[in-house]
Amino acid sequence: MKQIASLCALFVVLLLTGCNTVKGVGQDVQKAGQVLEDAARKR
């Protein structure tokens, strides 16, 4: 549970600092989704 919370916090920080356009937001959301999918597959 702590890992999920940490990942979510990291995602929010990256989202706020890394994307200046709508396209950037879409790419960040897609990358976050891929990270979550990979984490789910490993379990």
N, C-alpha and C. Protein backbone atom coordinates (compact mmCIF):
# COMPACT_ATOMS: atom_id res chain seq x y z
N MET A 1 0.83 -1.19 0.00
CA MET A 1 0.00 0.00 0.00
C MET A 1 0.87 1.26 0.00
N LYS A 2 1.97 1.20 0.74
CA LYS A 2 2.86 2.36 0.78
C LYS A 2 3.51 2.59 -0.57
N GLN A 3 3.79 1.50 -1.30
CA GLN A 3 4.39 1.65 -2.62
C GLN A 3 3.42 2.35 -3.58
N ILE A 4 2.16 1.99 -3.51
CA ILE A 4 1.16 2.61 -4.38
C ILE A 4 1.04 4.09 -4.05
N ALA A 5 1.01 4.41 -2.77
CA ALA A 5 0.92 5.81 -2.37
C ALA A 5 2.16 6.58 -2.83
N SER A 6 3.32 5.96 -2.72
CA SER A 6 4.55 6.60 -3.18
C SER A 6 4.53 6.83 -4.68
N LEU A 7 4.07 5.84 -5.43
CA LEU A 7 3.98 5.98 -6.88
C LEU A 7 3.01 7.09 -7.27
N CYS A 8 1.89 7.16 -6.58
CA CYS A 8 0.91 8.21 -6.86
C CYS A 8 1.48 9.59 -6.56
N ALA A 9 2.17 9.72 -5.46
CA ALA A 9 2.78 11.01 -5.10
C ALA A 9 3.84 11.39 -6.13
N LEU A 10 4.64 10.44 -6.53
CA LEU A 10 5.66 10.70 -7.54
C LEU A 10 5.02 11.12 -8.86
N PHE A 11 3.96 10.45 -9.24
CA PHE A 11 3.26 10.78 -10.47
C PHE A 11 2.73 12.21 -10.43
N VAL A 12 2.15 12.60 -9.32
CA VAL A 12 1.61 13.96 -9.19
C VAL A 12 2.73 14.99 -9.31
N VAL A 13 3.84 14.73 -8.66
CA VAL A 13 4.98 15.65 -8.73
C VAL A 13 5.47 15.77 -10.17
N LEU A 14 5.63 14.63 -10.84
CA LEU A 14 6.08 14.66 -12.23
C LEU A 14 5.07 15.35 -13.13
N LEU A 15 3.82 15.11 -12.87
CA LEU A 15 2.78 15.73 -13.67
C LEU A 15 2.81 17.24 -13.53
N LEU A 16 2.99 17.72 -12.33
CA LEU A 16 2.99 19.16 -12.09
C LEU A 16 4.26 19.84 -12.61
N THR A 17 5.37 19.13 -12.59
CA THR A 17 6.63 19.77 -12.99
C THR A 17 7.02 19.49 -14.43
N GLY A 18 6.54 18.39 -14.99
CA GLY A 18 7.07 17.94 -16.27
C GLY A 18 6.26 18.25 -17.50
N CYS A 19 5.03 18.61 -17.38
CA CYS A 19 4.22 18.76 -18.59
C CYS A 19 3.63 20.17 -18.67
N ASN A 20 3.88 20.79 -19.79
CA ASN A 20 3.39 22.15 -20.00
C ASN A 20 2.29 22.22 -21.04
N THR A 21 2.01 21.12 -21.69
CA THR A 21 1.00 21.11 -22.74
C THR A 21 0.04 19.95 -22.52
N VAL A 22 -1.06 19.98 -23.23
CA VAL A 22 -2.03 18.89 -23.16
C VAL A 22 -1.40 17.60 -23.67
N LYS A 23 -0.60 17.70 -24.69
CA LYS A 23 0.09 16.52 -25.22
C LYS A 23 1.01 15.93 -24.15
N GLY A 24 1.69 16.77 -23.44
CA GLY A 24 2.58 16.32 -22.37
C GLY A 24 1.81 15.61 -21.27
N VAL A 25 0.65 16.13 -20.92
CA VAL A 25 -0.19 15.49 -19.89
C VAL A 25 -0.59 14.10 -20.36
N GLY A 26 -1.00 13.99 -21.60
CA GLY A 26 -1.39 12.70 -22.14
C GLY A 26 -0.26 11.69 -22.11
N GLN A 27 0.93 12.13 -22.44
CA GLN A 27 2.08 11.24 -22.42
C GLN A 27 2.41 10.81 -21.00
N ASP A 28 2.32 11.74 -20.05
CA ASP A 28 2.60 11.41 -18.66
C ASP A 28 1.58 10.41 -18.11
N VAL A 29 0.32 10.61 -18.46
CA VAL A 29 -0.72 9.69 -17.99
C VAL A 29 -0.50 8.31 -18.60
N GLN A 30 -0.12 8.28 -19.85
CA GLN A 30 0.13 7.00 -20.51
C GLN A 30 1.30 6.27 -19.86
N LYS A 31 2.37 6.99 -19.57
CA LYS A 31 3.53 6.38 -18.92
C LYS A 31 3.18 5.86 -17.53
N ALA A 32 2.40 6.62 -16.80
CA ALA A 32 1.98 6.19 -15.46
C ALA A 32 1.14 4.91 -15.56
N GLY A 33 0.27 4.85 -16.54
CA GLY A 33 -0.54 3.66 -16.74
C GLY A 33 0.31 2.45 -17.05
N GLN A 34 1.36 2.64 -17.84
CA GLN A 34 2.25 1.55 -18.16
C GLN A 34 2.99 1.07 -16.92
N VAL A 35 3.41 1.99 -16.07
CA VAL A 35 4.10 1.62 -14.83
C VAL A 35 3.18 0.80 -13.94
N LEU A 36 1.93 1.23 -13.83
CA LEU A 36 0.97 0.50 -13.00
C LEU A 36 0.70 -0.89 -13.57
N GLU A 37 0.58 -0.99 -14.90
CA GLU A 37 0.36 -2.29 -15.53
C GLU A 37 1.54 -3.22 -15.28
N ASP A 38 2.74 -2.70 -15.42
CA ASP A 38 3.94 -3.52 -15.18
C ASP A 38 3.99 -3.98 -13.73
N ALA A 39 3.65 -3.10 -12.81
CA ALA A 39 3.66 -3.46 -11.39
C ALA A 39 2.62 -4.55 -11.11
N ALA A 40 1.46 -4.44 -11.75
CA ALA A 40 0.41 -5.43 -11.55
C ALA A 40 0.81 -6.80 -12.12
N ARG A 41 1.52 -6.78 -13.23
CA ARG A 41 1.95 -8.04 -13.84
C ARG A 41 2.99 -8.76 -12.99
N LYS A 42 3.82 -8.00 -12.29
CA LYS A 42 4.87 -8.60 -11.47
C LYS A 42 4.32 -9.28 -10.23
N ARG A 43 3.14 -8.92 -9.81
CA ARG A 43 2.56 -9.49 -8.59
C ARG A 43 1.83 -10.74 -8.87
